[in-house]
Amino acid sequence: MEEEILNTTKMQKVIAFATSQNVEGAVELLKLCRTQLTTVIADDQFQTLVNAVTLEKESDLIGRLIVEVDKIKQTDYSTIQCLNKPQS
């Protein structure tokens, strides 16, 4: 019962944040804080691969955040992946 209340409280906080005006600032902050590279190409193949994977994962995370926020704003809570994962 207590775990269910905690999960409900977390969900309420996520929904409140995603529907607030602050979420746009959070997305912009993520964009500003991501790895700043002038080029993906590095001195060796390994570092070039690391740079490419890092940028891809960061972009993927920001993209998923935006998609999930849009789902919350449309009140489609059943399809929100981050809210329907089992909590560890």
PDB file of N, CA and C in Angstrom:
ATOM      1  N   MET A   1       0.821  -1.203   0.000  1.00  0.00           N
ATOM      2  CA  MET A   1       0.000   0.000   0.000  1.00  0.00           C
ATOM      3  C   MET A   1       0.864   1.267   0.000  1.00  0.00           C
ATOM      4  N   GLU A   2       1.892   1.260   0.866  1.00  0.00           N
ATOM      5  CA  GLU A   2       2.774   2.429   0.962  1.00  0.00           C
ATOM      6  C   GLU A   2       3.513   2.661  -0.359  1.00  0.00           C
ATOM      7  N   GLU A   3       3.978   1.562  -0.999  1.00  0.00           N
ATOM      8  CA  GLU A   3       4.674   1.675  -2.282  1.00  0.00           C
ATOM      9  C   GLU A   3       3.740   2.245  -3.344  1.00  0.00           C
ATOM     10  N   GLU A   4       2.477   1.845  -3.331  1.00  0.00           N
ATOM     11  CA  GLU A   4       1.502   2.355  -4.291  1.00  0.00           C
ATOM     12  C   GLU A   4       1.292   3.853  -4.111  1.00  0.00           C
ATOM     13  N   ILE A   5       1.254   4.299  -2.860  1.00  0.00           N
ATOM     14  CA  ILE A   5       1.100   5.732  -2.578  1.00  0.00           C
ATOM     15  C   ILE A   5       2.321   6.491  -3.078  1.00  0.00           C
ATOM     16  N   LEU A   6       3.531   5.935  -2.848  1.00  0.00           N
ATOM     17  CA  LEU A   6       4.747   6.584  -3.331  1.00  0.00           C
ATOM     18  C   LEU A   6       4.745   6.680  -4.847  1.00  0.00           C
ATOM     19  N   ASN A   7       4.354   5.609  -5.526  1.00  0.00           N
ATOM     20  CA  ASN A   7       4.303   5.636  -6.981  1.00  0.00           C
ATOM     21  C   ASN A   7       3.287   6.644  -7.484  1.00  0.00           C
ATOM     22  N   THR A   8       2.136   6.731  -6.809  1.00  0.00           N
ATOM     23  CA  THR A   8       1.117   7.709  -7.185  1.00  0.00           C
ATOM     24  C   THR A   8       1.641   9.121  -6.970  1.00  0.00           C
ATOM     25  N   THR A   9       2.337   9.344  -5.877  1.00  0.00           N
ATOM     26  CA  THR A   9       2.912  10.657  -5.597  1.00  0.00           C
ATOM     27  C   THR A   9       3.956  11.024  -6.645  1.00  0.00           C
ATOM     28  N   LYS A  10       4.802  10.077  -7.000  1.00  0.00           N
ATOM     29  CA  LYS A  10       5.800  10.327  -8.040  1.00  0.00           C
ATOM     30  C   LYS A  10       5.122  10.663  -9.359  1.00  0.00           C
ATOM     31  N   MET A  11       4.088   9.909  -9.699  1.00  0.00           N
ATOM     32  CA  MET A  11       3.379  10.147 -10.951  1.00  0.00           C
ATOM     33  C   MET A  11       2.747  11.530 -10.939  1.00  0.00           C
ATOM     34  N   GLN A  12       2.165  11.923  -9.828  1.00  0.00           N
ATOM     35  CA  GLN A  12       1.554  13.249  -9.725  1.00  0.00           C
ATOM     36  C   GLN A  12       2.598  14.348  -9.909  1.00  0.00           C
ATOM     37  N   LYS A  13       3.780  14.143  -9.335  1.00  0.00           N
ATOM     38  CA  LYS A  13       4.851  15.136  -9.478  1.00  0.00           C
ATOM     39  C   LYS A  13       5.322  15.225 -10.926  1.00  0.00           C
ATOM     40  N   VAL A  14       5.457  14.067 -11.576  1.00  0.00           N
ATOM     41  CA  VAL A  14       5.891  14.043 -12.979  1.00  0.00           C
ATOM     42  C   VAL A  14       4.859  14.751 -13.850  1.00  0.00           C
ATOM     43  N   ILE A  15       3.603  14.450 -13.634  1.00  0.00           N
ATOM     44  CA  ILE A  15       2.529  15.071 -14.419  1.00  0.00           C
ATOM     45  C   ILE A  15       2.493  16.579 -14.173  1.00  0.00           C
ATOM     46  N   ALA A  16       2.621  16.984 -12.917  1.00  0.00           N
ATOM     47  CA  ALA A  16       2.611  18.415 -12.593  1.00  0.00           C
ATOM     48  C   ALA A  16       3.774  19.134 -13.275  1.00  0.00           C
ATOM     49  N   PHE A  17       4.955  18.526 -13.253  1.00  0.00           N
ATOM     50  CA  PHE A  17       6.113  19.149 -13.885  1.00  0.00           C
ATOM     51  C   PHE A  17       5.951  19.198 -15.401  1.00  0.00           C
ATOM     52  N   ALA A  18       5.522  18.087 -15.992  1.00  0.00           N
ATOM     53  CA  ALA A  18       5.410  18.006 -17.457  1.00  0.00           C
ATOM     54  C   ALA A  18       4.373  18.964 -18.005  1.00  0.00           C
ATOM     55  N   THR A  19       3.382  19.290 -17.220  1.00  0.00           N
ATOM     56  CA  THR A  19       2.344  20.206 -17.685  1.00  0.00           C
ATOM     57  C   THR A  19       2.593  21.645 -17.250  1.00  0.00           C
ATOM     58  N   SER A  20       3.703  21.879 -16.555  1.00  0.00           N
ATOM     59  CA  SER A  20       4.015  23.234 -16.107  1.00  0.00           C
ATOM     60  C   SER A  20       4.812  23.986 -17.178  1.00  0.00           C
ATOM     61  N   GLN A  21       4.963  25.267 -16.948  1.00  0.00           N
ATOM     62  CA  GLN A  21       5.767  26.085 -17.860  1.00  0.00           C
ATOM     63  C   GLN A  21       7.256  25.813 -17.677  1.00  0.00           C
ATOM     64  N   ASN A  22       7.632  25.178 -16.576  1.00  0.00           N
ATOM     65  CA  ASN A  22       9.051  24.914 -16.294  1.00  0.00           C
ATOM     66  C   ASN A  22       9.655  23.850 -17.194  1.00  0.00           C
ATOM     67  N   VAL A  23       8.830  23.004 -17.774  1.00  0.00           N
ATOM     68  CA  VAL A  23       9.364  21.898 -18.566  1.00  0.00           C
ATOM     69  C   VAL A  23      10.143  22.398 -19.788  1.00  0.00           C
ATOM     70  N   GLU A  24       9.700  23.476 -20.394  1.00  0.00           N
ATOM     71  CA  GLU A  24      10.428  24.012 -21.547  1.00  0.00           C
ATOM     72  C   GLU A  24      11.824  24.463 -21.139  1.00  0.00           C
ATOM     73  N   GLY A  25      11.943  25.033 -19.960  1.00  0.00           N
ATOM     74  CA  GLY A  25      13.254  25.432 -19.449  1.00  0.00           C
ATOM     75  C   GLY A  25      14.143  24.235 -19.188  1.00  0.00           C
ATOM     76  N   ALA A  26      13.556  23.156 -18.708  1.00  0.00           N
ATOM     77  CA  ALA A  26      14.336  21.942 -18.451  1.00  0.00           C
ATOM     78  C   ALA A  26      14.871  21.350 -19.750  1.00  0.00           C
ATOM     79  N   VAL A  27      14.051  21.337 -20.789  1.00  0.00           N
ATOM     80  CA  VAL A  27      14.496  20.823 -22.086  1.00  0.00           C
ATOM     81  C   VAL A  27      15.632  21.693 -22.627  1.00  0.00           C
ATOM     82  N   GLU A  28      15.493  22.998 -22.524  1.00  0.00           N
ATOM     83  CA  GLU A  28      16.549  23.901 -22.995  1.00  0.00           C
ATOM     84  C   GLU A  28      17.826  23.706 -22.185  1.00  0.00           C
ATOM     85  N   LEU A  29      17.682  23.502 -20.883  1.00  0.00           N
ATOM     86  CA  LEU A  29      18.846  23.266 -20.030  1.00  0.00           C
ATOM     87  C   LEU A  29      19.567  21.988 -20.443  1.00  0.00           C
ATOM     88  N   LEU A  30      18.813  20.932 -20.727  1.00  0.00           N
ATOM     89  CA  LEU A  30      19.422  19.694 -21.217  1.00  0.00           C
ATOM     90  C   LEU A  30      20.183  19.934 -22.516  1.00  0.00           C
ATOM     91  N   LYS A  31      19.599  20.703 -23.406  1.00  0.00           N
ATOM     92  CA  LYS A  31      20.269  21.000 -24.675  1.00  0.00           C
ATOM     93  C   LYS A  31      21.570  21.763 -24.447  1.00  0.00           C
ATOM     94  N   LEU A  32      21.539  22.715 -23.523  1.00  0.00           N
ATOM     95  CA  LEU A  32      22.732  23.513 -23.242  1.00  0.00           C
ATOM     96  C   LEU A  32      23.822  22.702 -22.549  1.00  0.00           C
ATOM     97  N   CYS A  33      23.425  21.730 -21.737  1.00  0.00           N
ATOM     98  CA  CYS A  33      24.385  20.960 -20.944  1.00  0.00           C
ATOM     99  C   CYS A  33      24.943  19.741 -21.667  1.00  0.00           C
ATOM    100  N   ARG A  34      24.398  19.440 -22.840  1.00  0.00           N
ATOM    101  CA  ARG A  34      24.907  18.261 -23.536  1.00  0.00           C
ATOM    102  C   ARG A  34      26.348  18.491 -23.978  1.00  0.00           C
ATOM    103  N   THR A  35      27.007  17.432 -24.352  1.00  0.00           N
ATOM    104  CA  THR A  35      28.408  17.477 -24.756  1.00  0.00           C
ATOM    105  C   THR A  35      28.589  18.455 -25.915  1.00  0.00           C
ATOM    106  N   GLN A  36      29.505  19.375 -25.730  1.00  0.00           N
ATOM    107  CA  GLN A  36      29.769  20.381 -26.755  1.00  0.00           C
ATOM    108  C   GLN A  36      30.979  19.956 -27.572  1.00  0.00           C
ATOM    109  N   LEU A  37      30.735  19.528 -28.788  1.00  0.00           N
ATOM    110  CA  LEU A  37      31.811  19.143 -29.697  1.00  0.00           C
ATOM    111  C   LEU A  37      31.720  19.993 -30.952  1.00  0.00           C
ATOM    112  N   THR A  38      32.855  20.485 -31.402  1.00  0.00           N
ATOM    113  CA  THR A  38      32.848  21.230 -32.662  1.00  0.00           C
ATOM    114  C   THR A  38      32.774  20.261 -33.836  1.00  0.00           C
ATOM    115  N   THR A  39      33.263  19.042 -33.619  1.00  0.00           N
ATOM    116  CA  THR A  39      33.197  18.004 -34.637  1.00  0.00           C
ATOM    117  C   THR A  39      33.165  16.642 -33.966  1.00  0.00           C
ATOM    118  N   VAL A  40      32.555  15.695 -34.600  1.00  0.00           N
ATOM    119  CA  VAL A  40      32.518  14.330 -34.076  1.00  0.00           C
ATOM    120  C   VAL A  40      33.855  13.643 -34.323  1.00  0.00           C
ATOM    121  N   ILE A  41      34.525  14.033 -35.395  1.00  0.00           N
ATOM    122  CA  ILE A  41      35.789  13.416 -35.787  1.00  0.00           C
ATOM    123  C   ILE A  41      36.875  13.762 -34.767  1.00  0.00           C
ATOM    124  N   ALA A  42      37.538  12.732 -34.288  1.00  0.00           N
ATOM    125  CA  ALA A  42      38.614  12.907 -33.306  1.00  0.00           C
ATOM    126  C   ALA A  42      39.941  12.432 -33.903  1.00  0.00           C
ATOM    127  N   ASP A  43      40.964  12.370 -33.056  1.00  0.00           N
ATOM    128  CA  ASP A  43      42.292  11.971 -33.500  1.00  0.00           C
ATOM    129  C   ASP A  43      42.389  10.484 -33.836  1.00  0.00           C
ATOM    130  N   ASP A  44      41.517   9.664 -33.245  1.00  0.00           N
ATOM    131  CA  ASP A  44      41.553   8.236 -33.549  1.00  0.00           C
ATOM    132  C   ASP A  44      40.121   7.701 -33.699  1.00  0.00           C
ATOM    133  N   GLN A  45      40.027   6.511 -34.244  1.00  0.00           N
ATOM    134  CA  GLN A  45      38.722   5.922 -34.529  1.00  0.00           C
ATOM    135  C   GLN A  45      37.906   5.687 -33.259  1.00  0.00           C
ATOM    136  N   PHE A  46      38.587   5.232 -32.208  1.00  0.00           N
ATOM    137  CA  PHE A  46      37.871   4.944 -30.965  1.00  0.00           C
ATOM    138  C   PHE A  46      37.218   6.200 -30.406  1.00  0.00           C
ATOM    139  N   GLN A  47      37.938   7.300 -30.311  1.00  0.00           N
ATOM    140  CA  GLN A  47      37.376   8.534 -29.760  1.00  0.00           C
ATOM    141  C   GLN A  47      36.281   9.092 -30.674  1.00  0.00           C
ATOM    142  N   THR A  48      36.438   8.919 -31.977  1.00  0.00           N
ATOM    143  CA  THR A  48      35.387   9.329 -32.911  1.00  0.00           C
ATOM    144  C   THR A  48      34.112   8.541 -32.638  1.00  0.00           C
ATOM    145  N   LEU A  49      34.251   7.242 -32.417  1.00  0.00           N
ATOM    146  CA  LEU A  49      33.101   6.397 -32.091  1.00  0.00           C
ATOM    147  C   LEU A  49      32.478   6.817 -30.765  1.00  0.00           C
ATOM    148  N   VAL A  50      33.297   7.073 -29.766  1.00  0.00           N
ATOM    149  CA  VAL A  50      32.799   7.530 -28.461  1.00  0.00           C
ATOM    150  C   VAL A  50      32.019   8.835 -28.626  1.00  0.00           C
ATOM    151  N   ASN A  51      32.566   9.770 -29.381  1.00  0.00           N
ATOM    152  CA  ASN A  51      31.886  11.050 -29.611  1.00  0.00           C
ATOM    153  C   ASN A  51      30.534  10.839 -30.291  1.00  0.00           C
ATOM    154  N   ALA A  52      30.513   9.995 -31.314  1.00  0.00           N
ATOM    155  CA  ALA A  52      29.272   9.755 -32.054  1.00  0.00           C
ATOM    156  C   ALA A  52      28.210   9.102 -31.174  1.00  0.00           C
ATOM    157  N   VAL A  53      28.614   8.101 -30.413  1.00  0.00           N
ATOM    158  CA  VAL A  53      27.660   7.407 -29.535  1.00  0.00           C
ATOM    159  C   VAL A  53      27.158   8.347 -28.435  1.00  0.00           C
ATOM    160  N   THR A  54      28.056   9.140 -27.884  1.00  0.00           N
ATOM    161  CA  THR A  54      27.666  10.092 -26.833  1.00  0.00           C
ATOM    162  C   THR A  54      26.623  11.077 -27.352  1.00  0.00           C
ATOM    163  N   LEU A  55      26.886  11.666 -28.499  1.00  0.00           N
ATOM    164  CA  LEU A  55      25.934  12.633 -29.064  1.00  0.00           C
ATOM    165  C   LEU A  55      24.605  11.976 -29.417  1.00  0.00           C
ATOM    166  N   GLU A  56      24.669  10.756 -29.946  1.00  0.00           N
ATOM    167  CA  GLU A  56      23.436  10.050 -30.309  1.00  0.00           C
ATOM    168  C   GLU A  56      22.600   9.755 -29.064  1.00  0.00           C
ATOM    169  N   LYS A  57      23.228   9.290 -28.005  1.00  0.00           N
ATOM    170  CA  LYS A  57      22.494   8.956 -26.779  1.00  0.00           C
ATOM    171  C   LYS A  57      21.919  10.207 -26.126  1.00  0.00           C
ATOM    172  N   GLU A  58      22.680  11.287 -26.112  1.00  0.00           N
ATOM    173  CA  GLU A  58      22.176  12.526 -25.536  1.00  0.00           C
ATOM    174  C   GLU A  58      20.973  13.043 -26.332  1.00  0.00           C
ATOM    175  N   SER A  59      21.068  13.013 -27.635  1.00  0.00           N
ATOM    176  CA  SER A  59      19.956  13.456 -28.480  1.00  0.00           C
ATOM    177  C   SER A  59      18.742  12.556 -28.290  1.00  0.00           C
ATOM    178  N   ASP A  60      18.989  11.254 -28.178  1.00  0.00           N
ATOM    179  CA  ASP A  60      17.908  10.293 -27.961  1.00  0.00           C
ATOM    180  C   ASP A  60      17.191  10.568 -26.640  1.00  0.00           C
ATOM    181  N   LEU A  61      17.947  10.850 -25.603  1.00  0.00           N
ATOM    182  CA  LEU A  61      17.360  11.129 -24.293  1.00  0.00           C
ATOM    183  C   LEU A  61      16.496  12.386 -24.334  1.00  0.00           C
ATOM    184  N   ILE A  62      17.000  13.439 -24.948  1.00  0.00           N
ATOM    185  CA  ILE A  62      16.226  14.678 -25.063  1.00  0.00           C
ATOM    186  C   ILE A  62      14.966  14.435 -25.885  1.00  0.00           C
ATOM    187  N   GLY A  63      15.099  13.694 -26.972  1.00  0.00           N
ATOM    188  CA  GLY A  63      13.940  13.374 -27.807  1.00  0.00           C
ATOM    189  C   GLY A  63      12.894  12.576 -27.062  1.00  0.00           C
ATOM    190  N   ARG A  64      13.328  11.580 -26.292  1.00  0.00           N
ATOM    191  CA  ARG A  64      12.371  10.781 -25.511  1.00  0.00           C
ATOM    192  C   ARG A  64      11.675  11.627 -24.455  1.00  0.00           C
ATOM    193  N   LEU A  65      12.423  12.541 -23.834  1.00  0.00           N
ATOM    194  CA  LEU A  65      11.815  13.427 -22.848  1.00  0.00           C
ATOM    195  C   LEU A  65      10.705  14.251 -23.489  1.00  0.00           C
ATOM    196  N   ILE A  66      10.977  14.801 -24.649  1.00  0.00           N
ATOM    197  CA  ILE A  66       9.985  15.624 -25.337  1.00  0.00           C
ATOM    198  C   ILE A  66       8.758  14.804 -25.708  1.00  0.00           C
ATOM    199  N   VAL A  67       8.956  13.591 -26.197  1.00  0.00           N
ATOM    200  CA  VAL A  67       7.831  12.716 -26.564  1.00  0.00           C
ATOM    201  C   VAL A  67       6.990  12.383 -25.337  1.00  0.00           C
ATOM    202  N   GLU A  68       7.635  12.039 -24.228  1.00  0.00           N
ATOM    203  CA  GLU A  68       6.901  11.677 -23.016  1.00  0.00           C
ATOM    204  C   GLU A  68       6.140  12.886 -22.462  1.00  0.00           C
ATOM    205  N   VAL A  69       6.754  14.060 -22.496  1.00  0.00           N
ATOM    206  CA  VAL A  69       6.077  15.272 -22.030  1.00  0.00           C
ATOM    207  C   VAL A  69       4.847  15.544 -22.891  1.00  0.00           C
ATOM    208  N   ASP A  70       4.986  15.395 -24.193  1.00  0.00           N
ATOM    209  CA  ASP A  70       3.835  15.593 -25.086  1.00  0.00           C
ATOM    210  C   ASP A  70       2.715  14.618 -24.767  1.00  0.00           C
ATOM    211  N   LYS A  71       3.057  13.366 -24.470  1.00  0.00           N
ATOM    212  CA  LYS A  71       2.038  12.379 -24.108  1.00  0.00           C
ATOM    213  C   LYS A  71       1.322  12.782 -22.823  1.00  0.00           C
ATOM    214  N   ILE A  72       2.093  13.265 -21.855  1.00  0.00           N
ATOM    215  CA  ILE A  72       1.489  13.696 -20.589  1.00  0.00           C
ATOM    216  C   ILE A  72       0.559  14.876 -20.826  1.00  0.00           C
ATOM    217  N   LYS A  73       0.992  15.821 -21.640  1.00  0.00           N
ATOM    218  CA  LYS A  73       0.155  16.987 -21.926  1.00  0.00           C
ATOM    219  C   LYS A  73      -1.145  16.596 -22.621  1.00  0.00           C
ATOM    220  N   GLN A  74      -1.111  15.488 -23.364  1.00  0.00           N
ATOM    221  CA  GLN A  74      -2.319  15.000 -24.037  1.00  0.00           C
ATOM    222  C   GLN A  74      -3.108  14.052 -23.131  1.00  0.00           C
ATOM    223  N   THR A  75      -2.663  13.917 -21.888  1.00  0.00           N
ATOM    224  CA  THR A  75      -3.252  13.034 -20.868  1.00  0.00           C
ATOM    225  C   THR A  75      -3.400  11.592 -21.331  1.00  0.00           C
ATOM    226  N   ASP A  76      -2.426  11.114 -22.078  1.00  0.00           N
ATOM    227  CA  ASP A  76      -2.393   9.718 -22.493  1.00  0.00           C
ATOM    228  C   ASP A  76      -1.413   8.978 -21.591  1.00  0.00           C
ATOM    229  N   TYR A  77      -1.755   8.856 -20.306  1.00  0.00           N
ATOM    230  CA  TYR A  77      -0.842   8.309 -19.308  1.00  0.00           C
ATOM    231  C   TYR A  77      -0.538   6.829 -19.519  1.00  0.00           C
ATOM    232  N   SER A  78      -1.408   6.095 -20.165  1.00  0.00           N
ATOM    233  CA  SER A  78      -1.216   4.650 -20.320  1.00  0.00           C
ATOM    234  C   SER A  78      -0.047   4.301 -21.223  1.00  0.00           C
ATOM    235  N   THR A  79       0.349   5.204 -22.103  1.00  0.00           N
ATOM    236  CA  THR A  79       1.443   4.900 -23.030  1.00  0.00           C
ATOM    237  C   THR A  79       2.765   5.528 -22.608  1.00  0.00           C
ATOM    238  N   ILE A  80       2.803   6.156 -21.474  1.00  0.00           N
ATOM    239  CA  ILE A  80       4.021   6.834 -21.031  1.00  0.00           C
ATOM    240  C   ILE A  80       4.977   5.802 -20.443  1.00  0.00           C
ATOM    241  N   GLN A  81       6.041   5.537 -21.182  1.00  0.00           N
ATOM    242  CA  GLN A  81       6.973   4.480 -20.803  1.00  0.00           C
ATOM    243  C   GLN A  81       7.592   4.710 -19.433  1.00  0.00           C
ATOM    244  N   CYS A  82       8.025   5.919 -19.162  1.00  0.00           N
ATOM    245  CA  CYS A  82       8.734   6.161 -17.907  1.00  0.00           C
ATOM    246  C   CYS A  82       7.818   6.045 -16.691  1.00  0.00           C
ATOM    247  N   LEU A  83       6.510   6.195 -16.853  1.00  0.00           N
ATOM    248  CA  LEU A  83       5.592   6.075 -15.733  1.00  0.00           C
ATOM    249  C   LEU A  83       5.086   4.661 -15.545  1.00  0.00           C
ATOM    250  N   ASN A  84       5.229   3.818 -16.535  1.00  0.00           N
ATOM    251  CA  ASN A  84       4.701   2.463 -16.460  1.00  0.00           C
ATOM    252  C   ASN A  84       5.755   1.404 -16.260  1.00  0.00           C
ATOM    253  N   LYS A  85       6.999   1.809 -16.023  1.00  0.00           N
ATOM    254  CA  LYS A  85       8.065   0.856 -15.744  1.00  0.00           C
ATOM    255  C   LYS A  85       7.935   0.400 -14.302  1.00  0.00           C
ATOM    256  N   PRO A  86       8.255  -0.863 -14.027  1.00  0.00           N
ATOM    257  CA  PRO A  86       8.287  -1.294 -12.633  1.00  0.00           C
ATOM    258  C   PRO A  86       9.379  -0.532 -11.892  1.00  0.00           C
ATOM    259  N   GLN A  87       9.079  -0.071 -10.716  1.00  0.00           N
ATOM    260  CA  GLN A  87      10.051   0.679  -9.909  1.00  0.00           C
ATOM    261  C   GLN A  87      10.970  -0.293  -9.201  1.00  0.00           C
ATOM    262  N   SER A  88      12.273   0.013  -9.210  1.00  0.00           N
ATOM    263  CA  SER A  88      13.225  -0.880  -8.530  1.00  0.00           C
ATOM    264  C   SER A  88      13.575  -0.336  -7.170  1.00  0.00           C
TER     265      SER A  88
END
